[in-house]
Amino acid sequence: MAKIDEEKEFIGYLKVLLSLSMAIAVSLIVWIFNHFNSLSFNEIMISFVVFVMDLIVVLFINYHILKKIKGLRKL
């Protein structure tokens, strides 16, 4: 397999991970809004921390996708 094809496959894999992370973030926000009245303060804070961590993962994956795309120009 050529190096460029390998890089394209890896970018595709990263896009799947990005989609999954985004789905988790959206699902978590919807869950928080649906159960806001019945959640304790600790549960809300833990949910918020998990949401922020997931957003960091989304940004990290997005950064790597853009880096890989720019790297395709050199191949």
Protein backbone atom coordinates (compact mmCIF):
# COMPACT_ATOMS: atom_id res chain seq x y z
CA MET A 1 0.00 0.00 0.00
CA ALA A 2 1.34 3.40 -0.92
CA LYS A 3 2.16 5.86 1.86
CA ILE A 4 -0.52 8.31 0.70
CA ASP A 5 -3.21 5.62 0.81
CA GLU A 6 -2.10 4.66 4.31
CA GLU A 7 -2.36 8.29 5.44
CA LYS A 8 -5.83 8.63 3.87
CA GLU A 9 -7.02 5.51 5.70
CA PHE A 10 -5.68 6.86 8.98
CA ILE A 11 -7.50 10.16 8.37
CA GLY A 12 -10.68 8.18 7.76
CA TYR A 13 -10.16 6.34 11.03
CA LEU A 14 -9.65 9.63 12.86
CA LYS A 15 -12.86 11.00 11.32
CA VAL A 16 -14.78 8.02 12.72
CA LEU A 17 -13.30 8.68 16.17
CA LEU A 18 -14.18 12.37 15.84
CA SER A 19 -17.78 11.51 14.96
CA LEU A 20 -18.02 9.16 17.91
CA SER A 21 -16.65 11.77 20.31
CA MET A 22 -19.05 14.38 18.99
CA ALA A 23 -21.98 11.98 19.41
CA ILE A 24 -20.92 11.32 23.01
CA ALA A 25 -20.73 15.06 23.72
CA VAL A 26 -24.16 15.77 22.26
CA SER A 27 -25.70 12.77 24.03
CA LEU A 28 -24.23 13.86 27.34
CA ILE A 29 -25.62 17.39 26.98
CA VAL A 30 -29.07 16.05 26.07
CA TRP A 31 -28.96 13.66 29.03
CA ILE A 32 -28.01 16.48 31.40
CA PHE A 33 -30.86 18.69 30.17
CA ASN A 34 -33.39 15.85 30.39
CA HIS A 35 -32.40 14.89 33.95
CA PHE A 36 -31.32 18.27 35.30
CA ASN A 37 -34.03 18.46 37.98
CA SER A 38 -33.28 15.01 39.38
CA LEU A 39 -29.46 15.25 39.38
CA SER A 40 -27.43 16.17 42.42
CA PHE A 41 -24.76 18.84 42.28
CA ASN A 42 -21.99 16.20 42.22
CA GLU A 43 -23.58 14.39 39.28
CA ILE A 44 -23.87 17.64 37.35
CA MET A 45 -20.24 18.51 38.04
CA ILE A 46 -19.03 15.04 37.03
CA SER A 47 -21.08 15.26 33.84
CA PHE A 48 -19.61 18.69 33.11
CA VAL A 49 -16.05 17.41 33.67
CA VAL A 50 -16.68 14.45 31.35
CA PHE A 51 -18.11 16.83 28.75
CA VAL A 52 -15.05 19.09 28.94
CA MET A 53 -12.73 16.08 28.68
CA ASP A 54 -14.65 14.89 25.63
CA LEU A 55 -14.33 18.32 24.03
CA ILE A 56 -10.59 18.19 24.63
CA VAL A 57 -10.52 14.82 22.84
CA VAL A 58 -12.53 16.32 19.96
CA LEU A 59 -10.08 19.21 19.64
CA PHE A 60 -7.11 16.83 19.83
CA ILE A 61 -8.50 14.57 17.10
CA ASN A 62 -9.41 17.55 14.94
CA TYR A 63 -5.88 18.93 15.29
CA HIS A 64 -4.41 15.60 14.18
CA ILE A 65 -6.77 15.35 11.21
CA LEU A 66 -5.77 18.82 10.01
CA LYS A 67 -2.10 18.00 10.56
CA LYS A 68 -2.40 14.80 8.54
CA ILE A 69 -4.26 16.58 5.73
CA LYS A 70 -1.53 19.21 5.51
CA GLY A 71 1.02 16.38 5.52
CA LEU A 72 -0.59 14.86 2.42
CA ARG A 73 0.74 17.77 0.37
CA LYS A 74 4.30 16.55 0.95
CA LEU A 75 3.57 13.03 -0.29
